[in-house]
Amino acid sequence: MKTSLSVTLLVLGVTLPAAAQDPVKVDSKHYQVVFEDAQVRVLRITYGPREKSVMHEHPVGYCVIMLTGGQTRFQTPDGKFTDSNVKAGDVNCTPAGPGTDKHNPENMRDTTFSAVLVERKSPPKP
């Protein structure tokens, strides 16, 4: 009995932190899945005026297409902030890599910010 309990706790300990980082699971108010198949997951991102998310990451490569312009602020786990201004139609891509993109985004404007994020489900083949 002790062995199966230990294995269960180990599995939960390994899988729950990873799942907790998924923006759809930790912040479904701002992130919704609009399409998913074996290769990609497409998220719709919407932040109301001055809204802030929670710390999360995208452990796979992704691209974000801005549907509206805006000013965003990203806080990293070490407490540093990065501000950026984006325009509708801008595209930003980030390569895959665990821990390379943990952040907490915030909409700094008094208008709604929207974007589409396309996540690759597996690393590209060499």
C-alpha atoms as a PDB file:
ATOM      1  CA  MET A   1       0.000   0.000   0.000  1.00  0.00           C
ATOM      2  CA  LYS A   2       2.828   2.388   0.865  1.00  0.00           C
ATOM      3  CA  THR A   3       4.446   1.786  -2.518  1.00  0.00           C
ATOM      4  CA  SER A   4       1.325   2.619  -4.521  1.00  0.00           C
ATOM      5  CA  LEU A   5       0.719   5.744  -2.416  1.00  0.00           C
ATOM      6  CA  SER A   6       4.339   6.832  -2.948  1.00  0.00           C
ATOM      7  CA  VAL A   7       4.057   6.267  -6.697  1.00  0.00           C
ATOM      8  CA  THR A   8       0.774   8.208  -6.835  1.00  0.00           C
ATOM      9  CA  LEU A   9       2.264  11.146  -4.922  1.00  0.00           C
ATOM     10  CA  LEU A  10       5.339  11.099  -7.153  1.00  0.00           C
ATOM     11  CA  VAL A  11       3.215  11.148 -10.305  1.00  0.00           C
ATOM     12  CA  LEU A  12       1.069  13.993  -8.946  1.00  0.00           C
ATOM     13  CA  GLY A  13       4.138  15.903  -7.878  1.00  0.00           C
ATOM     14  CA  VAL A  14       5.612  15.650 -11.354  1.00  0.00           C
ATOM     15  CA  THR A  15       2.466  16.318 -13.377  1.00  0.00           C
ATOM     16  CA  LEU A  16       0.641  18.950 -11.343  1.00  0.00           C
ATOM     17  CA  PRO A  17       3.338  21.652 -11.476  1.00  0.00           C
ATOM     18  CA  ALA A  18       3.553  21.256 -15.248  1.00  0.00           C
ATOM     19  CA  ALA A  19      -0.212  21.405 -15.654  1.00  0.00           C
ATOM     20  CA  ALA A  20      -0.424  24.374 -13.311  1.00  0.00           C
ATOM     21  CA  GLN A  21       1.648  26.421 -15.761  1.00  0.00           C
ATOM     22  CA  ASP A  22      -0.829  25.996 -18.641  1.00  0.00           C
ATOM     23  CA  PRO A  23      -2.470  29.411 -19.178  1.00  0.00           C
ATOM     24  CA  VAL A  24      -5.781  27.791 -20.171  1.00  0.00           C
ATOM     25  CA  LYS A  25      -5.895  25.966 -16.826  1.00  0.00           C
ATOM     26  CA  VAL A  26      -4.620  28.746 -14.556  1.00  0.00           C
ATOM     27  CA  ASP A  27      -6.283  31.692 -16.351  1.00  0.00           C
ATOM     28  CA  SER A  28      -9.286  30.571 -18.387  1.00  0.00           C
ATOM     29  CA  LYS A  29     -10.717  34.092 -18.125  1.00  0.00           C
ATOM     30  CA  HIS A  30      -8.076  35.338 -20.584  1.00  0.00           C
ATOM     31  CA  TYR A  31      -7.075  32.172 -22.532  1.00  0.00           C
ATOM     32  CA  GLN A  32      -9.491  29.987 -24.493  1.00  0.00           C
ATOM     33  CA  VAL A  33      -8.712  27.076 -26.809  1.00  0.00           C
ATOM     34  CA  VAL A  34     -10.282  27.749 -30.212  1.00  0.00           C
ATOM     35  CA  PHE A  35      -8.663  24.851 -32.104  1.00  0.00           C
ATOM     36  CA  GLU A  36      -6.571  21.821 -31.225  1.00  0.00           C
ATOM     37  CA  ASP A  37      -5.226  18.809 -33.086  1.00  0.00           C
ATOM     38  CA  ALA A  38      -2.188  16.515 -32.802  1.00  0.00           C
ATOM     39  CA  GLN A  39       0.254  19.204 -33.996  1.00  0.00           C
ATOM     40  CA  VAL A  40      -0.977  22.557 -32.656  1.00  0.00           C
ATOM     41  CA  ARG A  41      -3.181  24.273 -30.107  1.00  0.00           C
ATOM     42  CA  VAL A  42      -4.632  27.684 -30.956  1.00  0.00           C
ATOM     43  CA  LEU A  43      -5.599  30.038 -28.120  1.00  0.00           C
ATOM     44  CA  ARG A  44      -7.633  33.220 -28.174  1.00  0.00           C
ATOM     45  CA  ILE A  45      -6.204  35.741 -25.713  1.00  0.00           C
ATOM     46  CA  THR A  46      -8.357  38.617 -24.472  1.00  0.00           C
ATOM     47  CA  TYR A  47      -7.485  41.061 -21.710  1.00  0.00           C
ATOM     48  CA  GLY A  48      -9.853  43.806 -20.654  1.00  0.00           C
ATOM     49  CA  PRO A  49      -8.537  47.238 -19.738  1.00  0.00           C
ATOM     50  CA  ARG A  50      -5.752  47.027 -17.119  1.00  0.00           C
ATOM     51  CA  GLU A  51      -6.314  43.290 -16.562  1.00  0.00           C
ATOM     52  CA  LYS A  52      -3.475  41.069 -15.406  1.00  0.00           C
ATOM     53  CA  SER A  53      -2.940  37.317 -15.722  1.00  0.00           C
ATOM     54  CA  VAL A  54      -1.135  34.901 -13.404  1.00  0.00           C
ATOM     55  CA  MET A  55       2.377  33.472 -13.754  1.00  0.00           C
ATOM     56  CA  HIS A  56       2.427  30.792 -16.459  1.00  0.00           C
ATOM     57  CA  GLU A  57       4.529  29.517 -19.327  1.00  0.00           C
ATOM     58  CA  HIS A  58       4.308  27.975 -22.756  1.00  0.00           C
ATOM     59  CA  PRO A  59       6.902  25.150 -22.736  1.00  0.00           C
ATOM     60  CA  VAL A  60       6.628  24.623 -26.489  1.00  0.00           C
ATOM     61  CA  GLY A  61       7.419  26.948 -29.370  1.00  0.00           C
ATOM     62  CA  TYR A  62       4.685  29.406 -30.250  1.00  0.00           C
ATOM     63  CA  CYS A  63       3.749  32.463 -32.269  1.00  0.00           C
ATOM     64  CA  VAL A  64       1.411  35.260 -31.173  1.00  0.00           C
ATOM     65  CA  ILE A  65      -0.539  37.302 -33.731  1.00  0.00           C
ATOM     66  CA  MET A  66      -1.795  40.614 -32.339  1.00  0.00           C
ATOM     67  CA  LEU A  67      -5.411  41.318 -33.250  1.00  0.00           C
ATOM     68  CA  THR A  68      -5.333  44.725 -31.566  1.00  0.00           C
ATOM     69  CA  GLY A  69      -2.583  47.128 -30.668  1.00  0.00           C
ATOM     70  CA  GLY A  70      -1.665  47.685 -27.089  1.00  0.00           C
ATOM     71  CA  GLN A  71       0.909  48.150 -24.410  1.00  0.00           C
ATOM     72  CA  THR A  72       1.799  45.046 -22.455  1.00  0.00           C
ATOM     73  CA  ARG A  73       3.938  44.427 -19.392  1.00  0.00           C
ATOM     74  CA  PHE A  74       5.466  41.042 -18.644  1.00  0.00           C
ATOM     75  CA  GLN A  75       6.766  40.187 -15.196  1.00  0.00           C
ATOM     76  CA  THR A  76       9.240  37.311 -14.897  1.00  0.00           C
ATOM     77  CA  PRO A  77       9.659  35.077 -11.828  1.00  0.00           C
ATOM     78  CA  ASP A  78      12.689  37.109 -10.713  1.00  0.00           C
ATOM     79  CA  GLY A  79      10.464  40.211 -10.398  1.00  0.00           C
ATOM     80  CA  LYS A  80      11.753  42.019 -13.502  1.00  0.00           C
ATOM     81  CA  PHE A  81       9.360  43.797 -15.874  1.00  0.00           C
ATOM     82  CA  THR A  82       9.461  44.191 -19.643  1.00  0.00           C
ATOM     83  CA  ASP A  83       7.102  46.632 -21.360  1.00  0.00           C
ATOM     84  CA  SER A  84       6.291  46.516 -25.055  1.00  0.00           C
ATOM     85  CA  ASN A  85       4.064  48.322 -27.488  1.00  0.00           C
ATOM     86  CA  VAL A  86       2.467  46.192 -30.178  1.00  0.00           C
ATOM     87  CA  LYS A  87       0.375  46.969 -33.226  1.00  0.00           C
ATOM     88  CA  ALA A  88      -2.476  44.984 -34.728  1.00  0.00           C
ATOM     89  CA  GLY A  89      -0.937  42.500 -37.158  1.00  0.00           C
ATOM     90  CA  ASP A  90       2.395  42.190 -35.332  1.00  0.00           C
ATOM     91  CA  VAL A  91       3.668  38.627 -34.981  1.00  0.00           C
ATOM     92  CA  ASN A  92       6.047  37.508 -32.229  1.00  0.00           C
ATOM     93  CA  CYS A  93       7.504  33.996 -32.129  1.00  0.00           C
ATOM     94  CA  THR A  94       9.295  32.246 -29.270  1.00  0.00           C
ATOM     95  CA  PRO A  95      11.280  29.020 -29.658  1.00  0.00           C
ATOM     96  CA  ALA A  96      10.574  25.922 -27.603  1.00  0.00           C
ATOM     97  CA  GLY A  97      12.348  25.407 -24.323  1.00  0.00           C
ATOM     98  CA  PRO A  98      11.249  24.624 -20.790  1.00  0.00           C
ATOM     99  CA  GLY A  99      11.450  27.575 -18.453  1.00  0.00           C
ATOM    100  CA  THR A 100      12.380  29.984 -21.241  1.00  0.00           C
ATOM    101  CA  ASP A 101       9.153  31.902 -21.155  1.00  0.00           C
ATOM    102  CA  LYS A 102       7.619  31.947 -17.670  1.00  0.00           C
ATOM    103  CA  HIS A 103       5.786  35.252 -17.336  1.00  0.00           C
ATOM    104  CA  ASN A 104       2.820  37.165 -15.958  1.00  0.00           C
ATOM    105  CA  PRO A 105       1.312  39.468 -18.613  1.00  0.00           C
ATOM    106  CA  GLU A 106      -0.681  42.624 -18.002  1.00  0.00           C
ATOM    107  CA  ASN A 107      -2.633  44.921 -20.333  1.00  0.00           C
ATOM    108  CA  MET A 108      -1.422  48.439 -19.540  1.00  0.00           C
ATOM    109  CA  ARG A 109      -4.051  50.304 -21.564  1.00  0.00           C
ATOM    110  CA  ASP A 110      -7.652  51.337 -20.969  1.00  0.00           C
ATOM    111  CA  THR A 111      -8.826  49.351 -24.006  1.00  0.00           C
ATOM    112  CA  THR A 112      -9.280  45.627 -24.617  1.00  0.00           C
ATOM    113  CA  PHE A 113      -6.270  43.718 -25.945  1.00  0.00           C
ATOM    114  CA  SER A 114      -6.717  40.613 -28.146  1.00  0.00           C
ATOM    115  CA  ALA A 115      -4.340  38.161 -29.779  1.00  0.00           C
ATOM    116  CA  VAL A 116      -4.176  34.622 -31.150  1.00  0.00           C
ATOM    117  CA  LEU A 117      -1.453  32.289 -29.896  1.00  0.00           C
ATOM    118  CA  VAL A 118      -0.458  29.189 -31.873  1.00  0.00           C
ATOM    119  CA  GLU A 119       1.431  26.611 -29.812  1.00  0.00           C
ATOM    120  CA  ARG A 120       3.383  23.794 -31.406  1.00  0.00           C
ATOM    121  CA  LYS A 121       2.640  20.541 -29.558  1.00  0.00           C
ATOM    122  CA  SER A 122       5.979  18.907 -30.285  1.00  0.00           C
ATOM    123  CA  PRO A 123       9.422  20.239 -31.198  1.00  0.00           C
ATOM    124  CA  PRO A 124      10.164  20.594 -34.907  1.00  0.00           C
ATOM    125  CA  LYS A 125      11.914  17.657 -36.517  1.00  0.00           C
ATOM    126  CA  PRO A 126      15.542  18.345 -37.552  1.00  0.00           C
END
